[in-house]
């Protein structure tokens, strides 16, 4: 999705004068906010107006346009304008110095290799498999293969709406076509449905009434509104609520057991 946005729109829009982009963002964002939908579009327009990069990684839950609304006033003051872009830019600046002519897709891949893969995907695989006495292997991460793949052009990796193009072509005569070109599906938990049923009560107990509340880190009025909107199905805040629940449970388990 980010690759399509970049190639069809972003690479042209980022060449516009910054003052014009800021004006466009200032006009567009309030209109989108008023609809209460298209959160991703609101954040992308904000980034364009702020002269920030398009892609920050594949697992952003609270973006910079939403984060100020969910944290408390005192935490916002303590953060003093700090943003997740500081982490992202540390890697983007490195690839700009090392490979200034690299393609946008290569930069996206580099960010995923540095941010998402080690601390999220591989960590989860390792913990869950080892906890159940299963030995997992990730053969596509052999460093020779990764180095080779990073050097391949975009045309061999993405074809239309299909990713991993060269890998699928290599397996064309081995695997059934309907399996090989089936839409990718992850292993996500049905958090949307959970928070509209039994988990909503758990959320109230362990987030809205968490021992973390006395630290005044979150705006619990806004958090409660998110839960209410989600339960009414007027908005989908599933992953946002899931992140807050895990944060609160972690705090209760390791910081303050009450």
C-alpha atoms as a PDB file:
ATOM      1  CA  UNK A   1       0.000   0.000   0.000  1.00  0.00           C
ATOM      2  CA  UNK A   2       2.745   2.484   0.918  1.00  0.00           C
ATOM      3  CA  UNK A   3       4.632   1.607  -2.257  1.00  0.00           C
ATOM      4  CA  UNK A   4       1.553   2.372  -4.373  1.00  0.00           C
ATOM      5  CA  UNK A   5       0.974   5.649  -2.499  1.00  0.00           C
ATOM      6  CA  UNK A   6       4.592   6.637  -3.051  1.00  0.00           C
ATOM      7  CA  UNK A   7       4.678   5.848  -6.751  1.00  0.00           C
ATOM      8  CA  UNK A   8       1.245   7.232  -7.623  1.00  0.00           C
ATOM      9  CA  UNK A   9       1.190  10.323  -5.417  1.00  0.00           C
ATOM     10  CA  UNK A  10       3.855  10.935  -2.786  1.00  0.00           C
ATOM     11  CA  UNK A  11       6.965  11.242  -4.964  1.00  0.00           C
ATOM     12  CA  UNK A  12       5.234  13.997  -6.927  1.00  0.00           C
ATOM     13  CA  UNK A  13       3.640  15.729  -3.933  1.00  0.00           C
ATOM     14  CA  UNK A  14       6.872  15.916  -1.916  1.00  0.00           C
ATOM     15  CA  UNK A  15       8.380  18.058  -4.689  1.00  0.00           C
ATOM     16  CA  UNK A  16       5.800  20.785  -4.057  1.00  0.00           C
ATOM     17  CA  UNK A  17       6.949  23.777  -1.981  1.00  0.00           C
ATOM     18  CA  UNK A  18       6.799  22.998   1.736  1.00  0.00           C
ATOM     19  CA  UNK A  19       4.596  26.054   2.422  1.00  0.00           C
ATOM     20  CA  UNK A  20       2.017  24.752  -0.053  1.00  0.00           C
ATOM     21  CA  UNK A  21       2.105  21.279   1.486  1.00  0.00           C
ATOM     22  CA  UNK A  22       1.579  22.736   4.954  1.00  0.00           C
ATOM     23  CA  UNK A  23      -1.389  24.732   3.707  1.00  0.00           C
ATOM     24  CA  UNK A  24      -2.886  21.629   2.077  1.00  0.00           C
ATOM     25  CA  UNK A  25      -2.440  19.670   5.318  1.00  0.00           C
ATOM     26  CA  UNK A  26      -3.940  22.440   7.469  1.00  0.00           C
ATOM     27  CA  UNK A  27      -7.028  22.551   5.248  1.00  0.00           C
ATOM     28  CA  UNK A  28      -7.466  18.789   4.713  1.00  0.00           C
ATOM     29  CA  UNK A  29      -6.832  17.420   8.211  1.00  0.00           C
ATOM     30  CA  UNK A  30      -9.713  19.175  10.036  1.00  0.00           C
ATOM     31  CA  UNK A  31     -12.135  18.070   7.299  1.00  0.00           C
ATOM     32  CA  UNK A  32     -11.026  14.440   7.621  1.00  0.00           C
ATOM     33  CA  UNK A  33     -11.046  14.628  11.426  1.00  0.00           C
ATOM     34  CA  UNK A  34     -14.643  15.829  11.283  1.00  0.00           C
ATOM     35  CA  UNK A  35     -15.697  12.676   9.441  1.00  0.00           C
ATOM     36  CA  UNK A  36     -14.192  10.525  12.209  1.00  0.00           C
ATOM     37  CA  UNK A  37     -12.771   8.119   9.659  1.00  0.00           C
ATOM     38  CA  UNK A  38      -9.718   7.563   7.445  1.00  0.00           C
ATOM     39  CA  UNK A  39      -7.192   7.790  10.271  1.00  0.00           C
ATOM     40  CA  UNK A  40      -4.402   6.592   7.976  1.00  0.00           C
ATOM     41  CA  UNK A  41      -5.114   9.395   5.498  1.00  0.00           C
ATOM     42  CA  UNK A  42      -5.048  12.007   8.293  1.00  0.00           C
ATOM     43  CA  UNK A  43      -1.585  10.874   9.396  1.00  0.00           C
ATOM     44  CA  UNK A  44      -0.168  10.719   5.866  1.00  0.00           C
ATOM     45  CA  UNK A  45      -1.378  14.238   5.120  1.00  0.00           C
ATOM     46  CA  UNK A  46       0.178  15.403   8.393  1.00  0.00           C
ATOM     47  CA  UNK A  47       3.503  13.822   7.408  1.00  0.00           C
ATOM     48  CA  UNK A  48       3.423  15.478   3.991  1.00  0.00           C
ATOM     49  CA  UNK A  49       2.804  18.881   5.547  1.00  0.00           C
ATOM     50  CA  UNK A  50       5.476  18.310   8.205  1.00  0.00           C
ATOM     51  CA  UNK A  51       8.070  17.277   5.583  1.00  0.00           C
ATOM     52  CA  UNK A  52       8.372  13.822   7.146  1.00  0.00           C
ATOM     53  CA  UNK A  53       8.906  10.514   5.289  1.00  0.00           C
ATOM     54  CA  UNK A  54       5.940   8.483   4.086  1.00  0.00           C
ATOM     55  CA  UNK A  55       6.849   5.072   5.548  1.00  0.00           C
ATOM     56  CA  UNK A  56       7.728   4.624   9.245  1.00  0.00           C
ATOM     57  CA  UNK A  57       7.354   0.858   9.489  1.00  0.00           C
ATOM     58  CA  UNK A  58       4.577  -1.692   9.222  1.00  0.00           C
ATOM     59  CA  UNK A  59       3.368  -1.881  12.826  1.00  0.00           C
ATOM     60  CA  UNK A  60       2.463   1.652  13.870  1.00  0.00           C
ATOM     61  CA  UNK A  61      -0.621   1.555  16.114  1.00  0.00           C
ATOM     62  CA  UNK A  62      -0.701   5.082  17.537  1.00  0.00           C
ATOM     63  CA  UNK A  63       0.525   7.490  14.888  1.00  0.00           C
ATOM     64  CA  UNK A  64       1.655  11.037  15.635  1.00  0.00           C
ATOM     65  CA  UNK A  65      -1.740  12.589  14.888  1.00  0.00           C
ATOM     66  CA  UNK A  66      -3.524  10.254  17.325  1.00  0.00           C
ATOM     67  CA  UNK A  67      -0.887   9.893  20.034  1.00  0.00           C
ATOM     68  CA  UNK A  68      -1.398  13.386  21.547  1.00  0.00           C
ATOM     69  CA  UNK A  69      -5.083  12.583  22.054  1.00  0.00           C
ATOM     70  CA  UNK A  70      -4.550   9.377  24.019  1.00  0.00           C
ATOM     71  CA  UNK A  71      -1.814  10.609  26.354  1.00  0.00           C
ATOM     72  CA  UNK A  72      -2.401  12.973  29.282  1.00  0.00           C
ATOM     73  CA  UNK A  73      -1.621  16.691  29.290  1.00  0.00           C
ATOM     74  CA  UNK A  74       1.278  16.248  31.718  1.00  0.00           C
ATOM     75  CA  UNK A  75       2.876  13.495  29.612  1.00  0.00           C
ATOM     76  CA  UNK A  76       2.472  15.616  26.498  1.00  0.00           C
ATOM     77  CA  UNK A  77       4.362  18.414  28.239  1.00  0.00           C
ATOM     78  CA  UNK A  78       7.090  15.995  29.348  1.00  0.00           C
ATOM     79  CA  UNK A  79       7.503  14.681  25.802  1.00  0.00           C
ATOM     80  CA  UNK A  80       8.102  18.280  24.681  1.00  0.00           C
ATOM     81  CA  UNK A  81       7.521  17.598  20.991  1.00  0.00           C
ATOM     82  CA  UNK A  82       9.454  14.316  20.803  1.00  0.00           C
ATOM     83  CA  UNK A  83       8.184  11.984  18.117  1.00  0.00           C
ATOM     84  CA  UNK A  84       8.742   8.434  16.877  1.00  0.00           C
ATOM     85  CA  UNK A  85      10.217  10.002  13.739  1.00  0.00           C
ATOM     86  CA  UNK A  86      13.468  10.403  15.692  1.00  0.00           C
ATOM     87  CA  UNK A  87      13.890   6.610  15.759  1.00  0.00           C
ATOM     88  CA  UNK A  88      12.828   6.190  12.132  1.00  0.00           C
ATOM     89  CA  UNK A  89      15.135   8.959  10.896  1.00  0.00           C
ATOM     90  CA  UNK A  90      18.167   7.403  12.573  1.00  0.00           C
ATOM     91  CA  UNK A  91      17.839   4.487  10.146  1.00  0.00           C
ATOM     92  CA  UNK A  92      16.699   6.501   7.122  1.00  0.00           C
ATOM     93  CA  UNK A  93      19.655   8.861   7.531  1.00  0.00           C
ATOM     94  CA  UNK A  94      22.014   5.880   7.610  1.00  0.00           C
ATOM     95  CA  UNK A  95      20.653   4.384   4.387  1.00  0.00           C
ATOM     96  CA  UNK A  96      20.707   7.830   2.763  1.00  0.00           C
ATOM     97  CA  UNK A  97      24.418   8.096   3.542  1.00  0.00           C
ATOM     98  CA  UNK A  98      25.253   4.512   2.565  1.00  0.00           C
ATOM     99  CA  UNK A  99      22.940   4.145  -0.469  1.00  0.00           C
ATOM    100  CA  UNK A 100      21.747   7.612  -1.559  1.00  0.00           C
ATOM    101  CA  UNK A 101      20.315   6.266  -4.831  1.00  0.00           C
ATOM    102  CA  UNK A 102      18.436   3.325  -3.306  1.00  0.00           C
ATOM    103  CA  UNK A 103      14.826   2.768  -4.326  1.00  0.00           C
ATOM    104  CA  UNK A 104      11.909   3.567  -2.038  1.00  0.00           C
ATOM    105  CA  UNK A 105      11.094  -0.146  -1.719  1.00  0.00           C
ATOM    106  CA  UNK A 106      14.667  -0.884  -0.575  1.00  0.00           C
ATOM    107  CA  UNK A 107      14.332   1.784   2.120  1.00  0.00           C
ATOM    108  CA  UNK A 108      11.042   0.312   3.266  1.00  0.00           C
ATOM    109  CA  UNK A 109      12.626  -3.123   3.461  1.00  0.00           C
ATOM    110  CA  UNK A 110      15.614  -1.788   5.388  1.00  0.00           C
ATOM    111  CA  UNK A 111      13.328  -0.171   7.972  1.00  0.00           C
ATOM    112  CA  UNK A 112      11.386  -3.418   8.391  1.00  0.00           C
ATOM    113  CA  UNK A 113      14.619  -5.392   8.829  1.00  0.00           C
ATOM    114  CA  UNK A 114      15.828  -2.976  11.518  1.00  0.00           C
ATOM    115  CA  UNK A 115      12.593  -2.211  13.378  1.00  0.00           C
ATOM    116  CA  UNK A 116       9.896  -4.827  12.851  1.00  0.00           C
ATOM    117  CA  UNK A 117      11.662  -8.097  12.161  1.00  0.00           C
ATOM    118  CA  UNK A 118      13.980  -8.497  15.188  1.00  0.00           C
ATOM    119  CA  UNK A 119      11.875  -6.954  17.974  1.00  0.00           C
ATOM    120  CA  UNK A 120       8.457  -8.173  16.884  1.00  0.00           C
ATOM    121  CA  UNK A 121       8.297 -11.045  14.412  1.00  0.00           C
ATOM    122  CA  UNK A 122      11.406 -13.042  15.304  1.00  0.00           C
ATOM    123  CA  UNK A 123      11.026 -12.391  19.007  1.00  0.00           C
ATOM    124  CA  UNK A 124       7.475 -13.765  18.989  1.00  0.00           C
ATOM    125  CA  UNK A 125       8.418 -16.831  16.950  1.00  0.00           C
ATOM    126  CA  UNK A 126      11.331 -17.569  19.258  1.00  0.00           C
ATOM    127  CA  UNK A 127       9.429 -17.140  22.526  1.00  0.00           C
ATOM    128  CA  UNK A 128       6.314 -19.033  21.478  1.00  0.00           C
ATOM    129  CA  UNK A 129       8.146 -21.956  19.859  1.00  0.00           C
ATOM    130  CA  UNK A 130      10.687 -22.353  22.651  1.00  0.00           C
ATOM    131  CA  UNK A 131       7.924 -22.156  25.281  1.00  0.00           C
ATOM    132  CA  UNK A 132       6.282 -25.156  23.607  1.00  0.00           C
ATOM    133  CA  UNK A 133       9.513 -27.084  22.858  1.00  0.00           C
ATOM    134  CA  UNK A 134       9.342 -26.447  19.101  1.00  0.00           C
ATOM    135  CA  UNK A 135      12.519 -25.680  17.188  1.00  0.00           C
ATOM    136  CA  UNK A 136      11.778 -23.057  14.499  1.00  0.00           C
ATOM    137  CA  UNK A 137      13.937 -22.120  11.532  1.00  0.00           C
ATOM    138  CA  UNK A 138      13.730 -19.026   9.304  1.00  0.00           C
ATOM    139  CA  UNK A 139      15.596 -20.114   6.142  1.00  0.00           C
ATOM    140  CA  UNK A 140      14.794 -16.986   4.123  1.00  0.00           C
ATOM    141  CA  UNK A 141      16.903 -15.003   6.600  1.00  0.00           C
ATOM    142  CA  UNK A 142      20.185 -16.649   5.658  1.00  0.00           C
ATOM    143  CA  UNK A 143      22.387 -13.553   5.387  1.00  0.00           C
ATOM    144  CA  UNK A 144      23.659 -14.455   1.906  1.00  0.00           C
ATOM    145  CA  UNK A 145      20.071 -14.669   0.634  1.00  0.00           C
ATOM    146  CA  UNK A 146      19.085 -11.415   2.380  1.00  0.00           C
ATOM    147  CA  UNK A 147      22.067  -9.577   0.885  1.00  0.00           C
ATOM    148  CA  UNK A 148      21.211 -10.909  -2.577  1.00  0.00           C
ATOM    149  CA  UNK A 149      17.520 -10.047  -2.240  1.00  0.00           C
ATOM    150  CA  UNK A 150      18.244  -6.520  -1.036  1.00  0.00           C
ATOM    151  CA  UNK A 151      20.132  -5.885  -4.254  1.00  0.00           C
ATOM    152  CA  UNK A 152      17.319  -6.987  -6.552  1.00  0.00           C
ATOM    153  CA  UNK A 153      15.347  -4.246  -8.343  1.00  0.00           C
ATOM    154  CA  UNK A 154      11.742  -3.427  -7.482  1.00  0.00           C
ATOM    155  CA  UNK A 155      10.505  -4.968 -10.761  1.00  0.00           C
ATOM    156  CA  UNK A 156      11.501  -8.452  -9.562  1.00  0.00           C
ATOM    157  CA  UNK A 157       9.822  -8.055  -6.163  1.00  0.00           C
ATOM    158  CA  UNK A 158       6.439  -6.507  -6.917  1.00  0.00           C
ATOM    159  CA  UNK A 159       4.212  -7.231  -9.899  1.00  0.00           C
ATOM    160  CA  UNK A 160       0.928  -5.331  -9.855  1.00  0.00           C
ATOM    161  CA  UNK A 161      -0.634  -5.999  -6.465  1.00  0.00           C
ATOM    162  CA  UNK A 162       1.444  -9.127  -5.840  1.00  0.00           C
ATOM    163  CA  UNK A 163       4.542  -9.097  -3.648  1.00  0.00           C
ATOM    164  CA  UNK A 164       7.420 -11.628  -3.476  1.00  0.00           C
ATOM    165  CA  UNK A 165       7.156 -11.835  -7.253  1.00  0.00           C
ATOM    166  CA  UNK A 166      10.469 -13.550  -8.044  1.00  0.00           C
ATOM    167  CA  UNK A 167       9.901 -16.127  -5.289  1.00  0.00           C
ATOM    168  CA  UNK A 168       6.456 -16.974  -6.645  1.00  0.00           C
ATOM    169  CA  UNK A 169       7.817 -17.275 -10.183  1.00  0.00           C
ATOM    170  CA  UNK A 170      10.529 -19.642  -8.925  1.00  0.00           C
ATOM    171  CA  UNK A 171       7.850 -21.890  -7.383  1.00  0.00           C
ATOM    172  CA  UNK A 172       5.385 -21.632 -10.276  1.00  0.00           C
ATOM    173  CA  UNK A 173       5.910 -25.213 -11.432  1.00  0.00           C
ATOM    174  CA  UNK A 174       6.065 -26.671  -7.923  1.00  0.00           C
ATOM    175  CA  UNK A 175       3.080 -25.263  -6.028  1.00  0.00           C
ATOM    176  CA  UNK A 176      -0.559 -24.970  -7.191  1.00  0.00           C
ATOM    177  CA  UNK A 177      -1.218 -21.543  -8.688  1.00  0.00           C
ATOM    178  CA  UNK A 178      -4.302 -20.851  -6.559  1.00  0.00           C
ATOM    179  CA  UNK A 179      -2.183 -21.449  -3.443  1.00  0.00           C
ATOM    180  CA  UNK A 180       0.856 -19.532  -4.650  1.00  0.00           C
ATOM    181  CA  UNK A 181      -1.066 -16.415  -5.658  1.00  0.00           C
ATOM    182  CA  UNK A 182      -3.667 -16.511  -2.873  1.00  0.00           C
ATOM    183  CA  UNK A 183      -4.000 -13.254  -0.930  1.00  0.00           C
ATOM    184  CA  UNK A 184      -1.587 -13.184   2.002  1.00  0.00           C
ATOM    185  CA  UNK A 185      -3.204 -13.835   5.368  1.00  0.00           C
ATOM    186  CA  UNK A 186      -1.490 -13.364   8.708  1.00  0.00           C
ATOM    187  CA  UNK A 187      -2.082 -14.955  12.077  1.00  0.00           C
ATOM    188  CA  UNK A 188      -3.859 -12.032  13.709  1.00  0.00           C
ATOM    189  CA  UNK A 189      -6.122 -12.545  16.693  1.00  0.00           C
ATOM    190  CA  UNK A 190      -9.770 -11.379  16.335  1.00  0.00           C
ATOM    191  CA  UNK A 191      -9.272  -8.421  18.678  1.00  0.00           C
ATOM    192  CA  UNK A 192     -12.027  -6.413  16.984  1.00  0.00           C
ATOM    193  CA  UNK A 193     -14.622  -9.014  17.958  1.00  0.00           C
ATOM    194  CA  UNK A 194     -13.094  -9.638  21.391  1.00  0.00           C
ATOM    195  CA  UNK A 195     -13.534  -6.020  22.451  1.00  0.00           C
ATOM    196  CA  UNK A 196     -17.154  -6.100  21.349  1.00  0.00           C
ATOM    197  CA  UNK A 197     -17.880  -9.084  23.565  1.00  0.00           C
ATOM    198  CA  UNK A 198     -16.279 -10.550  26.677  1.00  0.00           C
ATOM    199  CA  UNK A 199     -12.937  -8.737  26.576  1.00  0.00           C
ATOM    200  CA  UNK A 200     -14.585  -5.330  26.978  1.00  0.00           C
ATOM    201  CA  UNK A 201     -15.217  -6.036  30.678  1.00  0.00           C
ATOM    202  CA  UNK A 202     -11.625  -7.152  31.112  1.00  0.00           C
ATOM    203  CA  UNK A 203     -10.494  -3.916  29.468  1.00  0.00           C
ATOM    204  CA  UNK A 204     -12.473  -1.878  31.995  1.00  0.00           C
ATOM    205  CA  UNK A 205     -10.894  -3.786  34.899  1.00  0.00           C
ATOM    206  CA  UNK A 206      -7.296  -3.782  33.674  1.00  0.00           C
ATOM    207  CA  UNK A 207      -7.071  -0.480  31.789  1.00  0.00           C
ATOM    208  CA  UNK A 208      -9.688   1.955  33.027  1.00  0.00           C
ATOM    209  CA  UNK A 209      -9.093   0.790  36.618  1.00  0.00           C
ATOM    210  CA  UNK A 210      -5.424  -0.166  36.287  1.00  0.00           C
ATOM    211  CA  UNK A 211      -2.828   0.736  38.923  1.00  0.00           C
ATOM    212  CA  UNK A 212      -1.095   2.587  36.059  1.00  0.00           C
ATOM    213  CA  UNK A 213      -3.861   5.172  36.165  1.00  0.00           C
ATOM    214  CA  UNK A 214      -2.327   6.943  39.165  1.00  0.00           C
ATOM    215  CA  UNK A 215       0.734   7.746  37.034  1.00  0.00           C
ATOM    216  CA  UNK A 216      -1.384  10.116  34.892  1.00  0.00           C
ATOM    217  CA  UNK A 217       0.068   8.904  31.597  1.00  0.00           C
ATOM    218  CA  UNK A 218      -3.122   8.468  29.563  1.00  0.00           C
ATOM    219  CA  UNK A 219      -6.225  10.515  28.887  1.00  0.00           C
ATOM    220  CA  UNK A 220      -8.692   7.975  30.263  1.00  0.00           C
ATOM    221  CA  UNK A 221     -11.688   9.992  29.139  1.00  0.00           C
ATOM    222  CA  UNK A 222     -10.540   9.576  25.549  1.00  0.00           C
ATOM    223  CA  UNK A 223      -9.659   5.894  26.158  1.00  0.00           C
ATOM    224  CA  UNK A 224     -13.163   5.280  27.535  1.00  0.00           C
ATOM    225  CA  UNK A 225     -14.623   6.993  24.477  1.00  0.00           C
ATOM    226  CA  UNK A 226     -12.610   4.720  22.202  1.00  0.00           C
ATOM    227  CA  UNK A 227     -13.998   1.654  23.986  1.00  0.00           C
ATOM    228  CA  UNK A 228     -17.571   2.982  23.766  1.00  0.00           C
ATOM    229  CA  UNK A 229     -17.247   3.778  20.040  1.00  0.00           C
ATOM    230  CA  UNK A 230     -15.764   0.369  19.388  1.00  0.00           C
ATOM    231  CA  UNK A 231     -18.521  -1.463  21.273  1.00  0.00           C
ATOM    232  CA  UNK A 232     -21.169   0.502  19.356  1.00  0.00           C
ATOM    233  CA  UNK A 233     -19.327  -0.444  16.118  1.00  0.00           C
ATOM    234  CA  UNK A 234     -19.190   3.179  15.025  1.00  0.00           C
ATOM    235  CA  UNK A 235     -15.382   2.877  14.792  1.00  0.00           C
ATOM    236  CA  UNK A 236     -12.814   0.107  14.830  1.00  0.00           C
ATOM    237  CA  UNK A 237     -10.338   0.764  17.650  1.00  0.00           C
ATOM    238  CA  UNK A 238      -9.494  -2.937  18.100  1.00  0.00           C
ATOM    239  CA  UNK A 239      -5.705  -2.790  17.851  1.00  0.00           C
ATOM    240  CA  UNK A 240      -5.525   0.514  19.730  1.00  0.00           C
ATOM    241  CA  UNK A 241      -7.427  -1.001  22.657  1.00  0.00           C
ATOM    242  CA  UNK A 242      -5.327  -4.168  22.454  1.00  0.00           C
ATOM    243  CA  UNK A 243      -2.120  -2.118  22.762  1.00  0.00           C
ATOM    244  CA  UNK A 244      -3.435  -0.286  25.834  1.00  0.00           C
ATOM    245  CA  UNK A 245      -4.574  -3.532  27.450  1.00  0.00           C
ATOM    246  CA  UNK A 246      -1.148  -5.115  26.995  1.00  0.00           C
ATOM    247  CA  UNK A 247       0.588  -1.998  28.296  1.00  0.00           C
ATOM    248  CA  UNK A 248      -1.603  -1.940  31.399  1.00  0.00           C
ATOM    249  CA  UNK A 249      -1.209  -5.669  32.070  1.00  0.00           C
ATOM    250  CA  UNK A 250       2.562  -5.355  31.677  1.00  0.00           C
ATOM    251  CA  UNK A 251       2.577  -2.447  34.135  1.00  0.00           C
ATOM    252  CA  UNK A 252       0.480  -4.363  36.679  1.00  0.00           C
ATOM    253  CA  UNK A 253       2.665  -7.450  36.350  1.00  0.00           C
ATOM    254  CA  UNK A 254       6.130  -5.889  36.439  1.00  0.00           C
ATOM    255  CA  UNK A 255       5.881  -2.355  37.874  1.00  0.00           C
ATOM    256  CA  UNK A 256       3.049  -2.077  40.349  1.00  0.00           C
ATOM    257  CA  UNK A 257       0.997  -5.082  41.373  1.00  0.00           C
ATOM    258  CA  UNK A 258      -1.244  -2.886  43.510  1.00  0.00           C
END
